[in-house]
Amino acid sequence: MPDVAPDDRVPGNRGIARRIVGYHLDDEGDWVAELECGHGQHVRHDPPWQVRAWVTTEEGRAARLGTTLDCVRCTEAR
């Protein structure tokens, strides 16, 4: 896992910004974003609580490769 400087934290969020490098389905059929740090994060489309329609199509997921999600597990590992 890469070293993380304190200024890598995203203001107002609990996690550290990490790029999405891939996706896989979990055992229950939910999408998990694979992050550059090696951790995974569920990316569910479950309106009205989580609105992520992009995760429902291959094109939508591909368009989000390289964007960031906040990795709470990286913060907890410090």
Protein backbone atom coordinates (compact mmCIF):
# COMPACT_ATOMS: atom_id res chain seq x y z
CA MET A 1 0.00 0.00 0.00
CA PRO A 2 1.40 3.44 -0.87
CA ASP A 3 2.44 5.89 1.84
CA VAL A 4 -0.15 8.57 2.43
CA ALA A 5 0.71 12.13 3.40
CA PRO A 6 -1.69 13.95 5.75
CA ASP A 7 -2.50 16.45 2.99
CA ASP A 8 -3.88 13.58 0.85
CA ARG A 9 -7.04 13.63 2.95
CA VAL A 10 -10.07 15.10 1.25
CA PRO A 11 -11.51 18.00 3.29
CA GLY A 12 -14.90 17.18 4.79
CA ASN A 13 -14.61 13.46 4.07
CA ARG A 14 -13.51 10.55 6.20
CA GLY A 15 -11.40 8.87 3.55
CA ILE A 16 -8.41 9.42 1.32
CA ALA A 17 -9.00 10.04 -2.39
CA ARG A 18 -8.03 6.96 -4.43
CA ARG A 19 -8.50 6.37 -8.15
CA ILE A 20 -10.85 3.67 -9.45
CA VAL A 21 -8.82 1.14 -11.45
CA GLY A 22 -11.45 -1.55 -12.07
CA TYR A 23 -14.67 -3.22 -10.93
CA HIS A 24 -15.96 -6.63 -9.96
CA LEU A 25 -19.23 -8.13 -8.76
CA ASP A 26 -19.40 -9.40 -5.20
CA ASP A 27 -21.09 -12.68 -4.20
CA GLU A 28 -24.48 -10.92 -3.98
CA GLY A 29 -24.25 -9.29 -7.40
CA ASP A 30 -23.34 -5.79 -6.21
CA TRP A 31 -20.60 -3.80 -7.96
CA VAL A 32 -17.37 -3.12 -6.10
CA ALA A 33 -14.95 -0.45 -7.31
CA GLU A 34 -11.32 -1.61 -7.16
CA LEU A 35 -9.18 1.26 -5.91
CA GLU A 36 -5.52 1.98 -6.67
CA CYS A 37 -4.62 1.26 -3.04
CA GLY A 38 -5.86 -2.33 -3.36
CA HIS A 39 -9.03 -1.79 -1.34
CA GLY A 40 -12.55 -2.16 -2.69
CA GLN A 41 -15.64 -0.04 -2.21
CA HIS A 42 -19.23 -0.93 -3.06
CA VAL A 43 -20.80 1.38 -5.64
CA ARG A 44 -24.49 0.57 -5.50
CA HIS A 45 -27.35 2.24 -7.33
CA ASP A 46 -30.08 2.13 -4.68
CA PRO A 47 -32.28 5.23 -5.00
CA PRO A 48 -33.16 7.33 -3.14
CA TRP A 49 -30.29 6.53 -0.74
CA GLN A 50 -27.53 6.07 -3.31
CA VAL A 51 -28.01 7.43 -6.80
CA ARG A 52 -25.32 5.98 -9.02
CA ALA A 53 -27.08 5.07 -12.25
CA TRP A 54 -23.68 5.02 -13.97
CA VAL A 55 -22.78 1.76 -12.21
CA THR A 56 -25.59 -0.12 -13.97
CA THR A 57 -23.93 -0.07 -17.41
CA GLU A 58 -20.54 -1.11 -18.71
CA GLU A 59 -20.17 2.27 -20.41
CA GLY A 60 -21.01 4.11 -17.19
CA ARG A 61 -18.46 2.16 -15.18
CA ALA A 62 -15.78 2.61 -17.86
CA ALA A 63 -16.39 6.37 -17.87
CA ARG A 64 -15.62 6.50 -14.13
CA LEU A 65 -12.27 4.70 -14.34
CA GLY A 66 -9.59 7.07 -13.06
CA THR A 67 -12.00 9.14 -10.99
CA THR A 68 -11.65 9.06 -7.21
CA LEU A 69 -13.58 7.67 -4.29
CA ASP A 70 -12.72 8.25 -0.65
CA CYS A 71 -11.09 5.18 0.86
CA VAL A 72 -11.94 4.97 4.55
CA ARG A 73 -9.89 1.78 4.91
CA CYS A 74 -6.70 3.70 4.03
CA THR A 75 -7.47 6.17 6.81
CA GLU A 76 -8.12 3.35 9.30
CA ALA A 77 -4.82 1.69 8.37
CA ARG A 78 -2.79 4.71 9.59
